[in-house]
Protein backbone atom coordinates (compact mmCIF):
# COMPACT_ATOMS: atom_id res chain seq x y z
CA UNK A 1 0.01 -0.11 0.02
CA UNK A 2 1.11 3.42 -0.99
CA UNK A 3 0.05 7.08 0.57
CA UNK A 4 -0.35 9.82 -2.15
CA UNK A 5 1.19 12.89 -0.92
CA UNK A 6 0.11 16.42 -2.20
CA UNK A 7 3.11 18.87 -2.96
CA UNK A 8 3.58 21.78 -0.54
CA UNK A 9 4.72 24.06 -2.87
CA UNK A 10 1.31 26.54 -3.30
CA UNK A 11 2.02 29.85 -4.84
CA UNK A 12 5.01 31.29 -4.42
CA UNK A 13 4.63 31.77 -0.66
CA UNK A 14 5.76 28.20 0.74
CA UNK A 15 1.90 28.01 2.35
CA UNK A 16 0.69 24.46 2.29
CA UNK A 17 -1.75 23.63 -0.66
CA UNK A 18 -4.81 22.25 0.60
CA UNK A 19 -5.56 18.40 -0.63
CA UNK A 20 -8.77 17.96 -2.77
CA UNK A 21 -9.81 14.12 -3.60
CA UNK A 22 -12.35 13.66 -6.09
CA UNK A 23 -14.18 10.36 -5.57
CA UNK A 24 -15.45 9.73 -9.47
CA UNK A 25 -14.41 10.98 -12.96
CA UNK A 26 -17.81 11.59 -14.40
CA UNK A 27 -19.29 15.03 -15.74
CA UNK A 28 -20.40 16.07 -12.43
CA UNK A 29 -17.29 15.79 -10.47
CA UNK A 30 -15.16 17.31 -13.19
CA UNK A 31 -17.42 20.10 -13.81
CA UNK A 32 -16.94 21.32 -10.05
CA UNK A 33 -13.54 20.91 -10.58
CA UNK A 34 -13.71 23.20 -13.31
CA UNK A 35 -15.54 25.77 -11.99
CA UNK A 36 -13.27 25.42 -8.88
CA UNK A 37 -10.25 26.03 -11.08
CA UNK A 38 -11.69 29.46 -12.82
CA UNK A 39 -11.64 30.68 -8.82
CA UNK A 40 -8.97 29.35 -7.11
CA UNK A 41 -6.52 27.77 -9.46
CA UNK A 42 -3.74 27.11 -6.91
CA UNK A 43 -5.45 26.29 -3.70
CA UNK A 44 -5.62 22.64 -3.80
CA UNK A 45 -3.33 19.84 -4.91
CA UNK A 46 -6.22 17.67 -6.58
CA UNK A 47 -6.55 13.73 -6.76
CA UNK A 48 -9.07 12.17 -8.84
CA UNK A 49 -10.14 8.57 -8.66
CA UNK A 50 -12.29 6.95 -11.45
CA UNK A 51 -13.72 3.77 -11.73
CA UNK A 52 -13.04 3.60 -15.72
CA UNK A 53 -10.20 3.35 -17.33
CA UNK A 54 -10.50 6.91 -19.26
CA UNK A 55 -10.79 10.74 -19.27
CA UNK A 56 -13.79 12.41 -18.50
CA UNK A 57 -16.19 12.01 -21.27
CA UNK A 58 -19.66 13.23 -22.29
CA UNK A 59 -22.28 10.47 -20.92
CA UNK A 60 -24.99 12.16 -22.67
CA UNK A 61 -23.42 11.34 -26.06
CA UNK A 62 -23.07 7.59 -25.64
CA UNK A 63 -26.07 7.16 -27.93
CA UNK A 64 -24.88 8.79 -30.82
CA UNK A 65 -21.59 6.49 -30.29
CA UNK A 66 -23.81 3.66 -30.21
CA UNK A 67 -25.74 4.65 -33.66
CA UNK A 68 -22.51 5.11 -35.21
CA UNK A 69 -22.51 9.11 -35.64
CA UNK A 70 -19.82 9.83 -33.06
CA UNK A 71 -16.67 7.81 -31.99
CA UNK A 72 -15.38 7.73 -28.48
CA UNK A 73 -12.85 10.37 -29.14
CA UNK A 74 -15.35 12.67 -29.96
CA UNK A 75 -17.22 12.68 -26.76
CA UNK A 76 -13.97 13.11 -24.41
CA UNK A 77 -14.25 16.48 -22.45
CA UNK A 78 -11.23 16.32 -20.47
CA UNK A 79 -8.10 14.38 -22.16
CA UNK A 80 -5.29 12.88 -19.90
CA UNK A 81 -2.88 15.92 -20.96
CA UNK A 82 -5.70 17.91 -19.13
CA UNK A 83 -5.35 16.54 -15.95
CA UNK A 84 -1.51 16.60 -16.54
CA UNK A 85 -1.82 20.76 -17.11
CA UNK A 86 -3.61 21.39 -14.25
CA UNK A 87 -1.80 19.47 -11.69
CA UNK A 88 -4.17 16.90 -11.32
CA UNK A 89 -3.38 13.45 -10.16
CA UNK A 90 -5.60 11.06 -12.13
CA UNK A 91 -6.09 7.29 -10.81
CA UNK A 92 -8.24 5.76 -13.93
CA UNK A 93 -9.60 2.58 -13.73
CA UNK A 94 -9.34 2.43 -9.75
CA UNK A 95 -12.18 3.25 -7.85
CA UNK A 96 -12.16 4.39 -4.44
CA UNK A 97 -13.18 1.32 -1.66
CA UNK A 98 -13.09 2.94 1.31
CA UNK A 99 -13.46 6.28 3.14
CA UNK A 100 -11.83 7.16 7.01
CA UNK A 101 -13.24 10.35 7.83
CA UNK A 102 -11.62 10.44 11.32
CA UNK A 103 -8.13 10.06 9.36
CA UNK A 104 -9.38 12.11 6.22
CA UNK A 105 -7.95 9.22 3.83
CA UNK A 106 -9.69 7.42 1.06
CA UNK A 107 -8.35 4.12 -0.13
CA UNK A 108 -8.52 2.43 -3.49
CA UNK A 109 -8.86 -0.76 -5.29
CA UNK A 110 -5.37 -0.44 -6.01
CA UNK A 111 -4.18 -0.07 -2.38
CA UNK A 112 -3.44 3.79 -2.86
CA UNK A 113 -4.49 5.84 0.12
CA UNK A 114 -4.91 9.63 -0.47
CA UNK A 115 -5.23 12.06 2.26
CA UNK A 116 -7.86 14.87 2.16
CA UNK A 117 -8.95 18.25 3.40
CA UNK A 118 -11.79 18.32 1.41
CA UNK A 119 -13.52 15.48 -0.26
CA UNK A 120 -15.76 15.96 -3.29
CA UNK A 121 -18.23 12.69 -3.89
CA UNK A 122 -19.24 12.22 -7.55
CA UNK A 123 -20.25 8.66 -7.44
CA UNK A 124 -22.95 9.15 -9.76
CA UNK A 125 -25.86 6.40 -9.90
CA UNK A 126 -26.24 2.60 -10.75
CA UNK A 127 -28.49 1.14 -13.24
CA UNK A 128 -31.11 -0.99 -12.19
CA UNK A 129 -31.27 -4.37 -13.26
CA UNK A 130 -34.76 -5.96 -12.75
CA UNK A 131 -33.82 -9.13 -10.77
CA UNK A 132 -35.48 -11.81 -12.61
CA UNK A 133 -34.25 -14.93 -13.17
CA UNK A 134 -31.54 -14.76 -16.11
CA UNK A 135 -30.80 -11.37 -15.38
CA UNK A 136 -27.28 -12.42 -14.47
CA UNK A 137 -26.85 -14.09 -18.24
CA UNK A 138 -24.19 -12.97 -20.52
CA UNK A 139 -25.92 -10.81 -23.12
CA UNK A 140 -28.16 -8.96 -20.54
CA UNK A 141 -26.47 -5.64 -19.99
CA UNK A 142 -27.13 -2.19 -18.96
CA UNK A 143 -26.63 0.87 -20.91
CA UNK A 144 -24.46 3.32 -18.68
CA UNK A 145 -20.81 3.67 -19.84
CA UNK A 146 -18.28 3.32 -22.69
CA UNK A 147 -18.05 -0.53 -22.26
CA UNK A 148 -21.73 -1.10 -22.59
CA UNK A 149 -21.88 0.43 -25.83
CA UNK A 150 -18.72 -1.73 -26.83
CA UNK A 151 -20.53 -4.74 -25.64
CA UNK A 152 -23.64 -3.39 -27.87
CA UNK A 153 -21.42 -3.04 -30.96
CA UNK A 154 -20.00 -6.33 -30.92
CA UNK A 155 -23.37 -8.05 -30.20
CA UNK A 156 -24.84 -5.95 -33.42
CA UNK A 157 -22.19 -7.77 -35.47
CA UNK A 158 -23.16 -11.21 -34.33
CA UNK A 159 -26.51 -11.34 -33.19
CA UNK A 160 -29.75 -10.20 -34.95
CA UNK A 161 -32.79 -9.59 -31.99
CA UNK A 162 -32.39 -7.08 -29.26
CA UNK A 163 -35.06 -6.35 -26.63
CA UNK A 164 -34.75 -2.88 -24.46
CA UNK A 165 -36.53 -3.19 -21.45
CA UNK A 166 -37.51 0.01 -20.28
CA UNK A 167 -39.26 2.44 -22.70
CA UNK A 168 -37.95 5.99 -21.34
CA UNK A 169 -35.61 8.41 -23.04
CA UNK A 170 -32.45 6.12 -22.45
CA UNK A 171 -34.24 3.00 -23.75
CA UNK A 172 -35.34 4.73 -26.89
CA UNK A 173 -32.05 6.03 -27.73
CA UNK A 174 -30.30 2.77 -27.14
CA UNK A 175 -33.15 0.94 -29.32
CA UNK A 176 -32.46 3.73 -32.23
CA UNK A 177 -28.75 2.89 -32.03
CA UNK A 178 -29.01 -0.74 -32.21
CA UNK A 179 -31.39 -0.55 -35.21
CA UNK A 180 -29.42 1.61 -36.67
CA UNK A 181 -26.45 -1.11 -36.14
CA UNK A 182 -28.91 -3.60 -37.78
CA UNK A 183 -30.47 -5.36 -34.95
CA UNK A 184 -34.28 -6.19 -34.83
CA UNK A 185 -35.12 -4.13 -31.76
CA UNK A 186 -38.18 -4.57 -29.31
CA UNK A 187 -38.93 -2.17 -26.84
CA UNK A 188 -40.89 -3.35 -23.55
CA UNK A 189 -42.29 -1.23 -21.21
CA UNK A 190 -44.15 -1.95 -18.03
CA UNK A 191 -47.01 1.30 -18.44
CA UNK A 192 -48.88 1.53 -21.85
CA UNK A 193 -47.29 5.04 -23.05
CA UNK A 194 -43.36 5.76 -23.65
CA UNK A 195 -41.47 8.10 -21.71
CA UNK A 196 -44.67 8.28 -19.28
CA UNK A 197 -42.49 10.65 -16.97
CA UNK A 198 -41.53 12.98 -19.60
CA UNK A 199 -44.58 13.00 -21.92
CA UNK A 200 -48.31 13.43 -21.89
CA UNK A 201 -50.20 10.80 -23.66
CA UNK A 202 -50.75 12.49 -26.63
CA UNK A 203 -47.24 13.03 -27.47
CA UNK A 204 -46.40 9.69 -26.57
CA UNK A 205 -48.65 8.55 -28.87
CA UNK A 206 -47.26 10.26 -31.83
CA UNK A 207 -43.96 9.26 -30.64
CA UNK A 208 -44.64 5.64 -30.85
CA UNK A 209 -46.04 6.08 -34.31
CA UNK A 210 -43.14 7.98 -35.80
CA UNK A 211 -40.84 5.26 -34.31
CA UNK A 212 -42.92 2.02 -35.36
CA UNK A 213 -43.04 3.78 -39.25
CA UNK A 214 -39.22 3.21 -38.61
CA UNK A 215 -39.34 -0.37 -37.69
CA UNK A 216 -39.23 -0.47 -34.21
CA UNK A 217 -41.54 -2.90 -32.18
CA UNK A 218 -42.89 -1.84 -29.23
CA UNK A 219 -44.75 -4.33 -26.10
CA UNK A 220 -46.38 -1.78 -23.79
CA UNK A 221 -47.66 -2.61 -20.50
CA UNK A 222 -45.58 -5.68 -20.37
CA UNK A 223 -44.07 -7.47 -17.12
CA UNK A 224 -40.78 -9.29 -17.90
CA UNK A 225 -40.65 -12.78 -16.29
CA UNK A 226 -37.72 -14.23 -17.07
CA UNK A 227 -34.64 -14.07 -19.33
CA UNK A 228 -34.47 -17.34 -21.19
CA UNK A 229 -30.95 -18.93 -21.84
CA UNK A 230 -28.88 -21.81 -21.22
CA UNK A 231 -25.39 -19.99 -21.30
CA UNK A 232 -26.39 -16.93 -22.91
CA UNK A 233 -29.63 -14.92 -23.46
CA UNK A 234 -32.08 -16.42 -26.05
CA UNK A 235 -35.44 -14.95 -25.26
CA UNK A 236 -37.67 -12.88 -23.12
CA UNK A 237 -40.65 -14.44 -21.31
CA UNK A 238 -43.24 -12.25 -20.06
CA UNK A 239 -45.84 -12.86 -17.25
CA UNK A 240 -48.57 -13.60 -19.47
CA UNK A 241 -46.48 -16.67 -20.86
CA UNK A 242 -45.54 -15.12 -24.07
CA UNK A 243 -41.78 -15.32 -25.26
CA UNK A 244 -39.94 -13.29 -28.03
CA UNK A 245 -36.25 -14.04 -29.45
CA UNK A 246 -33.57 -11.80 -27.76
CA UNK A 247 -29.43 -12.21 -28.11
CA UNK A 248 -29.36 -8.94 -26.49
CA UNK A 249 -31.38 -7.56 -23.59
CA UNK A 250 -30.69 -3.80 -22.62
CA UNK A 251 -31.86 -2.83 -18.94
CA UNK A 252 -32.90 0.80 -19.10
CA UNK A 253 -35.52 0.23 -16.55
CA UNK A 254 -33.80 3.14 -14.23
CA UNK A 255 -30.99 3.79 -11.89
CA UNK A 256 -30.49 4.18 -8.32
CA UNK A 257 -28.10 6.77 -6.60
CA UNK A 258 -24.41 5.31 -6.28
CA UNK A 259 -24.43 5.82 -2.14
CA UNK A 260 -22.86 2.76 -0.94
CA UNK A 261 -19.42 4.17 -0.27
CA UNK A 262 -21.10 6.99 1.47
CA UNK A 263 -23.16 4.91 3.61
CA UNK A 264 -20.00 2.54 4.43
CA UNK A 265 -18.63 6.05 5.61
CA UNK A 266 -21.34 6.85 8.13
CA UNK A 267 -22.44 9.90 5.80
CA UNK A 268 -26.06 10.94 6.22
CA UNK A 269 -28.17 8.98 3.40
CA UNK A 270 -31.48 8.59 2.82
CA UNK A 271 -32.28 7.55 -1.14
CA UNK A 272 -29.59 9.54 -1.91
CA UNK A 273 -26.42 11.57 -0.20
CA UNK A 274 -28.39 14.05 1.95
CA UNK A 275 -26.66 17.66 0.90
CA UNK A 276 -27.69 21.54 2.13
CA UNK A 277 -27.98 24.63 -0.46
CA UNK A 278 -23.98 24.39 -0.37
CA UNK A 279 -23.94 20.99 -1.48
CA UNK A 280 -21.87 20.18 1.69
CA UNK A 281 -22.93 16.76 3.55
CA UNK A 282 -23.63 16.66 7.00
CA UNK A 283 -19.48 16.55 7.27
CA UNK A 284 -18.39 19.85 6.78
CA UNK A 285 -15.26 18.34 5.11
CA UNK A 286 -17.13 16.11 2.32
CA UNK A 287 -19.23 17.68 -0.61
CA UNK A 288 -21.15 15.87 -3.22
CA UNK A 289 -22.85 16.65 -6.51
CA UNK A 290 -24.52 15.00 -9.12
CA UNK A 291 -26.72 11.73 -9.56
CA UNK A 292 -25.60 10.35 -6.05
CA UNK A 293 -27.09 13.51 -4.01
CA UNK A 294 -30.35 14.43 -2.65
CA UNK A 295 -31.27 18.11 -2.14
CA UNK A 296 -34.67 18.63 -0.63
CA UNK A 297 -36.49 15.36 -1.17
CA UNK A 298 -35.19 15.34 -4.62
CA UNK A 299 -32.69 13.51 -6.82
CA UNK A 300 -31.33 14.30 -10.18
CA UNK A 301 -30.63 12.90 -13.64
CA UNK A 302 -30.26 15.55 -16.37
CA UNK A 303 -27.36 17.84 -16.65
CA UNK A 304 -28.97 21.25 -16.32
CA UNK A 305 -29.22 20.81 -12.40
CA UNK A 306 -25.80 19.04 -11.99
CA UNK A 307 -24.36 21.82 -13.84
CA UNK A 308 -25.46 24.41 -11.52
CA UNK A 309 -24.77 22.07 -8.59
CA UNK A 310 -21.14 22.12 -9.76
CA UNK A 311 -21.13 25.93 -10.10
CA UNK A 312 -22.17 26.23 -6.36
CA UNK A 313 -19.70 23.46 -4.97
CA UNK A 314 -16.86 25.12 -6.86
CA UNK A 315 -17.52 28.13 -5.66
CA UNK A 316 -17.75 27.19 -1.69
CA UNK A 317 -14.64 24.79 -2.36
CA UNK A 318 -12.81 28.09 -3.85
CA UNK A 319 -13.57 29.68 -0.57
CA UNK A 320 -16.04 32.09 -2.47
CA UNK A 321 -19.04 30.80 -0.84
CA UNK A 322 -21.86 33.51 -1.48
CA UNK A 323 -23.98 31.16 -3.74
CA UNK A 324 -26.81 28.58 -3.03
CA UNK A 325 -28.41 25.58 -5.01
CA UNK A 326 -31.94 26.38 -6.21
CA UNK A 327 -33.79 23.55 -8.29
CA UNK A 328 -35.11 25.14 -11.11
CA UNK A 329 -37.29 23.21 -14.18
CA UNK A 330 -35.69 21.04 -16.24
CA UNK A 331 -36.34 20.30 -19.99
CA UNK A 332 -35.91 16.80 -21.92
CA UNK A 333 -35.05 15.95 -25.94
CA UNK A 334 -34.85 12.72 -27.50
CA UNK A 335 -31.95 12.22 -29.54
CA UNK A 336 -33.41 10.00 -31.82
CA UNK A 337 -32.80 10.78 -35.57
CA UNK A 338 -35.89 12.08 -37.33
CA UNK A 339 -37.58 12.65 -34.21
CA UNK A 340 -38.07 16.25 -32.96
CA UNK A 341 -39.57 16.04 -28.96
CA UNK A 342 -39.15 18.25 -25.89
CA UNK A 343 -40.54 18.44 -22.87
CA UNK A 344 -40.05 21.01 -19.89
CA UNK A 345 -41.70 21.55 -16.40
CA UNK A 346 -44.56 20.58 -14.99
CA UNK A 347 -46.72 18.98 -17.98
CA UNK A 348 -49.20 17.19 -15.71
CA UNK A 349 -50.78 20.34 -14.32
CA UNK A 350 -53.51 20.44 -11.32
CA UNK A 351 -56.66 21.75 -10.20
CA UNK A 352 -55.88 25.32 -10.98
CA UNK A 353 -54.01 24.87 -14.29
CA UNK A 354 -55.14 25.17 -17.84
CA UNK A 355 -54.13 23.89 -21.04
CA UNK A 356 -53.35 25.24 -24.48
CA UNK A 357 -53.47 22.78 -27.01
CA UNK A 358 -52.10 22.84 -30.97
CA UNK A 359 -52.99 19.28 -33.09
CA UNK A 360 -52.25 19.12 -36.83
CA UNK A 361 -51.83 15.37 -37.24
CA UNK A 362 -51.45 16.01 -41.09
CA UNK A 363 -47.83 17.50 -40.31
CA UNK A 364 -47.32 15.64 -37.16
CA UNK A 365 -47.25 18.59 -34.71
CA UNK A 366 -48.65 18.86 -31.39
CA UNK A 367 -48.01 21.67 -28.64
CA UNK A 368 -49.16 21.74 -25.26
CA UNK A 369 -48.74 24.46 -22.97
CA UNK A 370 -49.55 24.01 -18.94
CA UNK A 371 -50.82 27.68 -17.93
CA UNK A 372 -51.01 28.38 -13.93
CA UNK A 373 -51.98 31.93 -12.77
CA UNK A 374 -50.80 33.79 -15.74
CA UNK A 375 -47.40 31.91 -16.42
CA UNK A 376 -46.41 28.75 -18.50
CA UNK A 377 -45.46 25.91 -16.06
CA UNK A 378 -44.98 23.45 -18.70
CA UNK A 379 -44.59 22.61 -22.34
CA UNK A 380 -44.59 19.69 -24.60
CA UNK A 381 -43.76 20.03 -27.94
CA UNK A 382 -43.56 17.05 -30.69
CA UNK A 383 -42.65 17.77 -34.66
CA UNK A 384 -42.04 21.68 -34.12
CA UNK A 385 -39.80 22.28 -31.40
CA UNK A 386 -37.55 25.43 -31.98
CA UNK A 387 -39.48 27.34 -29.41
CA UNK A 388 -38.67 24.96 -26.79
CA UNK A 389 -36.10 27.09 -25.62
CA UNK A 390 -38.25 30.07 -25.33
CA UNK A 391 -41.02 28.26 -23.68
CA UNK A 392 -38.55 27.20 -21.15
CA UNK A 393 -37.03 30.62 -20.48
CA UNK A 394 -40.99 31.62 -19.82
CA UNK A 395 -41.09 28.81 -17.32
CA UNK A 396 -37.85 29.68 -15.58
CA UNK A 397 -38.45 33.40 -15.31
CA UNK A 398 -42.21 32.73 -14.53
CA UNK A 399 -43.05 35.28 -17.05
CA UNK A 400 -46.56 36.82 -17.02
CA UNK A 401 -47.75 35.95 -20.42
CA UNK A 402 -51.47 36.89 -19.87
CA UNK A 403 -50.98 39.50 -22.94
CA UNK A 404 -49.73 36.94 -25.17
CA UNK A 405 -51.95 33.98 -24.35
CA UNK A 406 -53.97 33.80 -27.48
CA UNK A 407 -50.78 33.81 -29.60
CA UNK A 408 -48.67 31.67 -26.94
CA UNK A 409 -48.91 28.44 -28.97
CA UNK A 410 -47.89 30.15 -32.09
CA UNK A 411 -44.27 30.53 -31.00
CA UNK A 412 -41.51 33.29 -30.10
CA UNK A 413 -41.44 35.21 -33.34
CA UNK A 414 -45.01 36.13 -33.56
CA UNK A 415 -45.64 37.08 -29.88
CA UNK A 416 -42.28 39.43 -30.28
CA UNK A 417 -43.71 41.16 -33.13
CA UNK A 418 -47.53 41.45 -31.92
CA UNK A 419 -45.58 43.06 -28.76
CA UNK A 420 -43.48 45.62 -30.85
């Protein structure tokens, strides 16, 4: 076992630099480090541990890699050179296995120990693998990292039938990518509507029709009972006894915050690691950001709130602690070629809300805006999404749209022309 010692050559003063250890080399952790370096580039000696053997990459763009639209090199955010140039000690492919908060030391799988003055936990989330019989067979995987994409690309060269379990955003992107690689794809979803957490039923129906026209098959309101196969997956069997062939089964039925390490270290966790408005845990030396955190009962899976968390945590780690994390509305886009889809905010509404709806079936356009108290609180757009960003700004800024109500569905250009 060896211990990592940070240098003590901070600035030109000879003062000891503080030691920051980051657990997790993903987007949330490295964005926080980037924010920190903008404000206080010489404050810390930084050590980063990552479970994957790469630099930081854009996990959101794994779908285009699977679809053959991008390469792995295209999605790298921070190369190995970036770490070196910023004086960051990177231990890639070496996950942390223990945190000793009393001694302020982390231990890695390879036996490295690193001391810290401040610790940033950015362990992300783990895919939820439905624990049905056969879920451990070869050919059953998640869609979470570069290795998963490489496994899928290999399967697409040698096999024909793919089943995606989970009809949410990630599942449809996986299905699109595998279909473009030449596989016959069936999407299995437990409810009777695709992307039911992001879309209303009308938009979901339009989406399903569009994807079916591209050759994708769907089994909705279907409960997976078993993955069949003697030594690798060959079929998926359902609760009603029906069975479909499956050489590859991709589980995209949700994720769970990866908090095992934090819990073992005695940090306060509920569904995830509990943080305050500064992204500080109950231990004032320990911060956490990303999909592993819980802020005011909420957990996170989209980039926009995680970028906000990174700005706040980076500022506090830099000693510029005037920022507070505030939850905001979020927006969703589907990365499937030929499908234009956008949703934002509260598209369900409630007793005090009203809907503005535009339907143009011939052109395949559907727009629904949810209003409450003279303000837009949610939007669902299908087929024509060019005004999605504008509606999102109206939601975030709580803009009074009373004067624009009758023209609102027709978009920004018309509304601004009439207001001029």
